[in-house]
Amino acid sequence: MSAIASPCILVCSIDQVTGYCFGCGRTKAEIGAWIEMTPETRQSVMAELPARLETVERKPRRETRRSRMARERNTPA
């Protein structure tokens, strides 16, 4: 079984204006259906993501999981 390519970058916060995730650009419905999508459908969605991310009005206000993990890795013990 091959891995399913995903645009997720662990931001996972939906812009209320556009309905797109701040991190990957997918909608809630696309995120939820990602595993069931055919490779062709996933590729079609992925082709739209750069243009969608250009329409996101603001950045998420909370610290993302990815940024927290990076911060914790770089903090001396």
PDB file of N, CA and C in Angstrom:
ATOM      1  N   MET A   1       0.844  -1.185   0.000  1.00  0.00           N
ATOM      2  CA  MET A   1       0.000   0.000   0.000  1.00  0.00           C
ATOM      3  C   MET A   1       0.886   1.244   0.000  1.00  0.00           C
ATOM      4  N   SER A   2       0.626   2.168  -0.890  1.00  0.00           N
ATOM      5  CA  SER A   2       1.458   3.366  -0.983  1.00  0.00           C
ATOM      6  C   SER A   2       0.904   4.477  -0.098  1.00  0.00           C
ATOM      7  N   ALA A   3       1.782   5.392   0.274  1.00  0.00           N
ATOM      8  CA  ALA A   3       1.388   6.522   1.110  1.00  0.00           C
ATOM      9  C   ALA A   3       0.527   7.486   0.300  1.00  0.00           C
ATOM     10  N   ILE A   4      -0.425   8.107   0.973  1.00  0.00           N
ATOM     11  CA  ILE A   4      -1.282   9.087   0.316  1.00  0.00           C
ATOM     12  C   ILE A   4      -0.654  10.455   0.483  1.00  0.00           C
ATOM     13  N   ALA A   5      -0.323  11.103  -0.626  1.00  0.00           N
ATOM     14  CA  ALA A   5       0.247  12.446  -0.574  1.00  0.00           C
ATOM     15  C   ALA A   5      -0.775  13.402   0.025  1.00  0.00           C
ATOM     16  N   SER A   6      -0.326  14.243   0.930  1.00  0.00           N
ATOM     17  CA  SER A   6      -1.210  15.207   1.571  1.00  0.00           C
ATOM     18  C   SER A   6      -0.511  16.556   1.657  1.00  0.00           C
ATOM     19  N   PRO A   7      -1.253  17.640   1.421  1.00  0.00           N
ATOM     20  CA  PRO A   7      -0.666  18.979   1.530  1.00  0.00           C
ATOM     21  C   PRO A   7      -0.652  19.511   2.964  1.00  0.00           C
ATOM     22  N   CYS A   8      -1.102  18.721   3.921  1.00  0.00           N
ATOM     23  CA  CYS A   8      -1.215  19.172   5.314  1.00  0.00           C
ATOM     24  C   CYS A   8       0.145  19.588   5.866  1.00  0.00           C
ATOM     25  N   ILE A   9       0.185  20.760   6.520  1.00  0.00           N
ATOM     26  CA  ILE A   9       1.408  21.230   7.178  1.00  0.00           C
ATOM     27  C   ILE A   9       1.175  21.426   8.675  1.00  0.00           C
ATOM     28  N   LEU A  10       0.122  20.794   9.200  1.00  0.00           N
ATOM     29  CA  LEU A  10      -0.205  20.803  10.627  1.00  0.00           C
ATOM     30  C   LEU A  10      -0.632  22.163  11.169  1.00  0.00           C
ATOM     31  N   VAL A  11      -1.187  23.015  10.316  1.00  0.00           N
ATOM     32  CA  VAL A  11      -1.737  24.281  10.787  1.00  0.00           C
ATOM     33  C   VAL A  11      -3.197  24.082  11.182  1.00  0.00           C
ATOM     34  N   CYS A  12      -3.983  23.474  10.337  1.00  0.00           N
ATOM     35  CA  CYS A  12      -5.344  23.031  10.639  1.00  0.00           C
ATOM     36  C   CYS A  12      -6.217  24.092  11.309  1.00  0.00           C
ATOM     37  N   SER A  13      -6.389  25.192  10.637  1.00  0.00           N
ATOM     38  CA  SER A  13      -7.278  26.253  11.097  1.00  0.00           C
ATOM     39  C   SER A  13      -7.973  26.813   9.856  1.00  0.00           C
ATOM     40  N   ILE A  14      -9.299  26.880   9.891  1.00  0.00           N
ATOM     41  CA  ILE A  14     -10.078  27.283   8.730  1.00  0.00           C
ATOM     42  C   ILE A  14     -10.348  28.784   8.748  1.00  0.00           C
ATOM     43  N   ASP A  15     -10.068  29.447   7.624  1.00  0.00           N
ATOM     44  CA  ASP A  15     -10.369  30.862   7.443  1.00  0.00           C
ATOM     45  C   ASP A  15     -11.883  30.996   7.282  1.00  0.00           C
ATOM     46  N   GLN A  16     -12.505  31.785   8.133  1.00  0.00           N
ATOM     47  CA  GLN A  16     -13.964  31.932   8.110  1.00  0.00           C
ATOM     48  C   GLN A  16     -14.455  32.667   6.866  1.00  0.00           C
ATOM     49  N   VAL A  17     -13.608  33.468   6.235  1.00  0.00           N
ATOM     50  CA  VAL A  17     -14.012  34.217   5.045  1.00  0.00           C
ATOM     51  C   VAL A  17     -14.029  33.317   3.810  1.00  0.00           C
ATOM     52  N   THR A  18     -12.945  32.591   3.581  1.00  0.00           N
ATOM     53  CA  THR A  18     -12.825  31.783   2.371  1.00  0.00           C
ATOM     54  C   THR A  18     -13.270  30.333   2.560  1.00  0.00           C
ATOM     55  N   GLY A  19     -13.202  29.836   3.786  1.00  0.00           N
ATOM     56  CA  GLY A  19     -13.507  28.430   4.044  1.00  0.00           C
ATOM     57  C   GLY A  19     -12.333  27.512   3.795  1.00  0.00           C
ATOM     58  N   TYR A  20     -11.161  28.086   3.527  1.00  0.00           N
ATOM     59  CA  TYR A  20      -9.956  27.301   3.264  1.00  0.00           C
ATOM     60  C   TYR A  20      -9.083  27.211   4.511  1.00  0.00           C
ATOM     61  N   CYS A  21      -8.396  26.088   4.653  1.00  0.00           N
ATOM     62  CA  CYS A  21      -7.436  25.919   5.739  1.00  0.00           C
ATOM     63  C   CYS A  21      -6.270  26.886   5.521  1.00  0.00           C
ATOM     64  N   PHE A  22      -5.838  27.550   6.580  1.00  0.00           N
ATOM     65  CA  PHE A  22      -4.701  28.475   6.477  1.00  0.00           C
ATOM     66  C   PHE A  22      -3.427  27.761   6.050  1.00  0.00           C
ATOM     67  N   GLY A  23      -3.275  26.510   6.443  1.00  0.00           N
ATOM     68  CA  GLY A  23      -2.041  25.786   6.144  1.00  0.00           C
ATOM     69  C   GLY A  23      -1.993  25.167   4.774  1.00  0.00           C
ATOM     70  N   CYS A  24      -3.061  24.439   4.409  1.00  0.00           N
ATOM     71  CA  CYS A  24      -3.007  23.671   3.163  1.00  0.00           C
ATOM     72  C   CYS A  24      -3.909  24.201   2.064  1.00  0.00           C
ATOM     73  N   GLY A  25      -4.929  24.966   2.407  1.00  0.00           N
ATOM     74  CA  GLY A  25      -5.819  25.514   1.400  1.00  0.00           C
ATOM     75  C   GLY A  25      -7.034  24.659   1.084  1.00  0.00           C
ATOM     76  N   ARG A  26      -7.157  23.502   1.731  1.00  0.00           N
ATOM     77  CA  ARG A  26      -8.320  22.653   1.475  1.00  0.00           C
ATOM     78  C   ARG A  26      -9.518  23.113   2.300  1.00  0.00           C
ATOM     79  N   THR A  27     -10.715  22.707   1.865  1.00  0.00           N
ATOM     80  CA  THR A  27     -11.924  22.967   2.634  1.00  0.00           C
ATOM     81  C   THR A  27     -12.082  21.865   3.680  1.00  0.00           C
ATOM     82  N   LYS A  28     -12.994  22.079   4.642  1.00  0.00           N
ATOM     83  CA  LYS A  28     -13.267  21.040   5.643  1.00  0.00           C
ATOM     84  C   LYS A  28     -13.719  19.754   4.962  1.00  0.00           C
ATOM     85  N   ALA A  29     -14.578  19.881   3.964  1.00  0.00           N
ATOM     86  CA  ALA A  29     -15.087  18.702   3.258  1.00  0.00           C
ATOM     87  C   ALA A  29     -13.948  17.949   2.566  1.00  0.00           C
ATOM     88  N   GLU A  30     -13.032  18.675   1.943  1.00  0.00           N
ATOM     89  CA  GLU A  30     -11.908  18.027   1.265  1.00  0.00           C
ATOM     90  C   GLU A  30     -10.976  17.345   2.261  1.00  0.00           C
ATOM     91  N   ILE A  31     -10.745  17.990   3.385  1.00  0.00           N
ATOM     92  CA  ILE A  31      -9.895  17.390   4.416  1.00  0.00           C
ATOM     93  C   ILE A  31     -10.527  16.091   4.908  1.00  0.00           C
ATOM     94  N   GLY A  32     -11.836  16.124   5.177  1.00  0.00           N
ATOM     95  CA  GLY A  32     -12.535  14.951   5.678  1.00  0.00           C
ATOM     96  C   GLY A  32     -12.602  13.808   4.677  1.00  0.00           C
ATOM     97  N   ALA A  33     -12.667  14.135   3.401  1.00  0.00           N
ATOM     98  CA  ALA A  33     -12.822  13.110   2.363  1.00  0.00           C
ATOM     99  C   ALA A  33     -11.488  12.694   1.736  1.00  0.00           C
ATOM    100  N   TRP A  34     -10.390  13.280   2.175  1.00  0.00           N
ATOM    101  CA  TRP A  34      -9.100  13.085   1.520  1.00  0.00           C
ATOM    102  C   TRP A  34      -8.728  11.613   1.331  1.00  0.00           C
ATOM    103  N   ILE A  35      -8.922  10.808   2.351  1.00  0.00           N
ATOM    104  CA  ILE A  35      -8.528   9.387   2.281  1.00  0.00           C
ATOM    105  C   ILE A  35      -9.343   8.635   1.237  1.00  0.00           C
ATOM    106  N   GLU A  36     -10.616   8.994   1.077  1.00  0.00           N
ATOM    107  CA  GLU A  36     -11.464   8.298   0.112  1.00  0.00           C
ATOM    108  C   GLU A  36     -11.308   8.800  -1.318  1.00  0.00           C
ATOM    109  N   MET A  37     -10.687   9.961  -1.507  1.00  0.00           N
ATOM    110  CA  MET A  37     -10.536  10.517  -2.855  1.00  0.00           C
ATOM    111  C   MET A  37      -9.615   9.656  -3.704  1.00  0.00           C
ATOM    112  N   THR A  38      -9.911   9.648  -4.994  1.00  0.00           N
ATOM    113  CA  THR A  38      -9.027   8.947  -5.924  1.00  0.00           C
ATOM    114  C   THR A  38      -7.740   9.769  -6.066  1.00  0.00           C
ATOM    115  N   PRO A  39      -6.651   9.157  -6.480  1.00  0.00           N
ATOM    116  CA  PRO A  39      -5.419   9.923  -6.701  1.00  0.00           C
ATOM    117  C   PRO A  39      -5.629  11.073  -7.684  1.00  0.00           C
ATOM    118  N   GLU A  40      -6.459  10.869  -8.685  1.00  0.00           N
ATOM    119  CA  GLU A  40      -6.717  11.920  -9.668  1.00  0.00           C
ATOM    120  C   GLU A  40      -7.450  13.111  -9.036  1.00  0.00           C
ATOM    121  N   THR A  41      -8.429  12.813  -8.183  1.00  0.00           N
ATOM    122  CA  THR A  41      -9.169  13.882  -7.500  1.00  0.00           C
ATOM    123  C   THR A  41      -8.251  14.638  -6.550  1.00  0.00           C
ATOM    124  N   ARG A  42      -7.413  13.911  -5.788  1.00  0.00           N
ATOM    125  CA  ARG A  42      -6.467  14.579  -4.881  1.00  0.00           C
ATOM    126  C   ARG A  42      -5.519  15.487  -5.678  1.00  0.00           C
ATOM    127  N   GLN A  43      -5.033  15.003  -6.819  1.00  0.00           N
ATOM    128  CA  GLN A  43      -4.119  15.806  -7.636  1.00  0.00           C
ATOM    129  C   GLN A  43      -4.817  17.062  -8.156  1.00  0.00           C
ATOM    130  N   SER A  44      -6.084  16.932  -8.513  1.00  0.00           N
ATOM    131  CA  SER A  44      -6.852  18.079  -8.985  1.00  0.00           C
ATOM    132  C   SER A  44      -7.000  19.127  -7.879  1.00  0.00           C
ATOM    133  N   VAL A  45      -7.312  18.672  -6.671  1.00  0.00           N
ATOM    134  CA  VAL A  45      -7.430  19.593  -5.531  1.00  0.00           C
ATOM    135  C   VAL A  45      -6.074  20.241  -5.266  1.00  0.00           C
ATOM    136  N   MET A  46      -5.011  19.450  -5.261  1.00  0.00           N
ATOM    137  CA  MET A  46      -3.682  19.989  -4.975  1.00  0.00           C
ATOM    138  C   MET A  46      -3.274  21.050  -5.990  1.00  0.00           C
ATOM    139  N   ALA A  47      -3.695  20.914  -7.235  1.00  0.00           N
ATOM    140  CA  ALA A  47      -3.370  21.904  -8.261  1.00  0.00           C
ATOM    141  C   ALA A  47      -4.024  23.256  -7.973  1.00  0.00           C
ATOM    142  N   GLU A  48      -5.157  23.251  -7.268  1.00  0.00           N
ATOM    143  CA  GLU A  48      -5.874  24.487  -6.937  1.00  0.00           C
ATOM    144  C   GLU A  48      -5.337  25.189  -5.688  1.00  0.00           C
ATOM    145  N   LEU A  49      -4.590  24.481  -4.864  1.00  0.00           N
ATOM    146  CA  LEU A  49      -4.215  25.011  -3.548  1.00  0.00           C
ATOM    147  C   LEU A  49      -3.392  26.295  -3.576  1.00  0.00           C
ATOM    148  N   PRO A  50      -2.372  26.439  -4.427  1.00  0.00           N
ATOM    149  CA  PRO A  50      -1.608  27.697  -4.404  1.00  0.00           C
ATOM    150  C   PRO A  50      -2.491  28.932  -4.635  1.00  0.00           C
ATOM    151  N   ALA A  51      -3.411  28.849  -5.582  1.00  0.00           N
ATOM    152  CA  ALA A  51      -4.299  29.988  -5.851  1.00  0.00           C
ATOM    153  C   ALA A  51      -5.228  30.237  -4.671  1.00  0.00           C
ATOM    154  N   ARG A  52      -5.707  29.174  -4.043  1.00  0.00           N
ATOM    155  CA  ARG A  52      -6.574  29.333  -2.877  1.00  0.00           C
ATOM    156  C   ARG A  52      -5.851  30.009  -1.730  1.00  0.00           C
ATOM    157  N   LEU A  53      -4.625  29.593  -1.482  1.00  0.00           N
ATOM    158  CA  LEU A  53      -3.866  30.168  -0.356  1.00  0.00           C
ATOM    159  C   LEU A  53      -3.610  31.658  -0.560  1.00  0.00           C
ATOM    160  N   GLU A  54      -3.580  32.102  -1.798  1.00  0.00           N
ATOM    161  CA  GLU A  54      -3.423  33.540  -2.073  1.00  0.00           C
ATOM    162  C   GLU A  54      -4.648  34.333  -1.634  1.00  0.00           C
ATOM    163  N   THR A  55      -5.797  33.673  -1.514  1.00  0.00           N
ATOM    164  CA  THR A  55      -7.034  34.369  -1.156  1.00  0.00           C
ATOM    165  C   THR A  55      -7.283  34.418   0.346  1.00  0.00           C
ATOM    166  N   VAL A  56      -6.506  33.689   1.130  1.00  0.00           N
ATOM    167  CA  VAL A  56      -6.699  33.682   2.585  1.00  0.00           C
ATOM    168  C   VAL A  56      -6.337  35.060   3.117  1.00  0.00           C
ATOM    169  N   GLU A  57      -7.282  35.667   3.827  1.00  0.00           N
ATOM    170  CA  GLU A  57      -7.160  37.056   4.274  1.00  0.00           C
ATOM    171  C   GLU A  57      -6.153  37.285   5.399  1.00  0.00           C
ATOM    172  N   ARG A  58      -6.077  36.367   6.324  1.00  0.00           N
ATOM    173  CA  ARG A  58      -5.216  36.586   7.488  1.00  0.00           C
ATOM    174  C   ARG A  58      -4.563  35.274   7.897  1.00  0.00           C
ATOM    175  N   LYS A  59      -3.608  35.375   8.749  1.00  0.00           N
ATOM    176  CA  LYS A  59      -2.923  34.201   9.268  1.00  0.00           C
ATOM    177  C   LYS A  59      -3.604  33.768  10.567  1.00  0.00           C
ATOM    178  N   PRO A  60      -3.524  32.488  10.921  1.00  0.00           N
ATOM    179  CA  PRO A  60      -4.143  32.060  12.176  1.00  0.00           C
ATOM    180  C   PRO A  60      -3.502  32.756  13.370  1.00  0.00           C
ATOM    181  N   ARG A  61      -4.302  33.026  14.393  1.00  0.00           N
ATOM    182  CA  ARG A  61      -3.802  33.753  15.563  1.00  0.00           C
ATOM    183  C   ARG A  61      -3.129  32.852  16.574  1.00  0.00           C
ATOM    184  N   ARG A  62      -3.439  31.588  16.547  1.00  0.00           N
ATOM    185  CA  ARG A  62      -2.871  30.693  17.547  1.00  0.00           C
ATOM    186  C   ARG A  62      -1.555  30.101  17.061  1.00  0.00           C
ATOM    187  N   GLU A  63      -0.768  29.631  18.002  1.00  0.00           N
ATOM    188  CA  GLU A  63       0.467  28.941  17.651  1.00  0.00           C
ATOM    189  C   GLU A  63       0.101  27.599  17.047  1.00  0.00           C
ATOM    190  N   THR A  64       0.712  27.268  15.937  1.00  0.00           N
ATOM    191  CA  THR A  64       0.421  25.994  15.291  1.00  0.00           C
ATOM    192  C   THR A  64       1.228  24.881  15.937  1.00  0.00           C
ATOM    193  N   ARG A  65       0.760  23.676  15.727  1.00  0.00           N
ATOM    194  CA  ARG A  65       1.471  22.513  16.276  1.00  0.00           C
ATOM    195  C   ARG A  65       2.896  22.453  15.728  1.00  0.00           C
ATOM    196  N   ARG A  66       3.028  22.708  14.432  1.00  0.00           N
ATOM    197  CA  ARG A  66       4.353  22.656  13.815  1.00  0.00           C
ATOM    198  C   ARG A  66       5.290  23.707  14.420  1.00  0.00           C
ATOM    199  N   SER A  67       4.827  24.935  14.612  1.00  0.00           N
ATOM    200  CA  SER A  67       5.690  25.978  15.174  1.00  0.00           C
ATOM    201  C   SER A  67       6.016  25.690  16.635  1.00  0.00           C
ATOM    202  N   ARG A  68       5.039  25.131  17.385  1.00  0.00           N
ATOM    203  CA  ARG A  68       5.308  24.768  18.777  1.00  0.00           C
ATOM    204  C   ARG A  68       6.365  23.680  18.854  1.00  0.00           C
ATOM    205  N   MET A  69       6.251  22.667  17.994  1.00  0.00           N
ATOM    206  CA  MET A  69       7.229  21.578  18.001  1.00  0.00           C
ATOM    207  C   MET A  69       8.625  22.098  17.647  1.00  0.00           C
ATOM    208  N   ALA A  70       8.701  23.004  16.678  1.00  0.00           N
ATOM    209  CA  ALA A  70       9.987  23.577  16.287  1.00  0.00           C
ATOM    210  C   ALA A  70      10.567  24.395  17.434  1.00  0.00           C
ATOM    211  N   ARG A  71       9.711  25.187  18.095  1.00  0.00           N
ATOM    212  CA  ARG A  71      10.168  25.995  19.230  1.00  0.00           C
ATOM    213  C   ARG A  71      10.690  25.110  20.346  1.00  0.00           C
ATOM    214  N   GLU A  72       9.962  24.029  20.636  1.00  0.00           N
ATOM    215  CA  GLU A  72      10.381  23.123  21.707  1.00  0.00           C
ATOM    216  C   GLU A  72      11.689  22.392  21.369  1.00  0.00           C
ATOM    217  N   ARG A  73      11.891  22.064  20.107  1.00  0.00           N
ATOM    218  CA  ARG A  73      13.144  21.430  19.684  1.00  0.00           C
ATOM    219  C   ARG A  73      14.332  22.368  19.849  1.00  0.00           C
ATOM    220  N   ASN A  74      14.096  23.656  19.629  1.00  0.00           N
ATOM    221  CA  ASN A  74      15.185  24.640  19.678  1.00  0.00           C
ATOM    222  C   ASN A  74      15.390  25.250  21.050  1.00  0.00           C
ATOM    223  N   THR A  75      14.566  24.880  22.028  1.00  0.00           N
ATOM    224  CA  THR A  75      14.713  25.398  23.393  1.00  0.00           C
ATOM    225  C   THR A  75      15.699  24.499  24.161  1.00  0.00           C
ATOM    226  N   PRO A  76      16.762  25.101  24.717  1.00  0.00           N
ATOM    227  CA  PRO A  76      17.714  24.285  25.485  1.00  0.00           C
ATOM    228  C   PRO A  76      17.048  23.642  26.702  1.00  0.00           C
ATOM    229  N   ALA A  77      17.421  22.422  26.977  1.00  0.00           N
ATOM    230  CA  ALA A  77      16.833  21.687  28.105  1.00  0.00           C
ATOM    231  C   ALA A  77      17.438  22.068  29.427  1.00  0.00           C
TER     232      ALA A  77
END
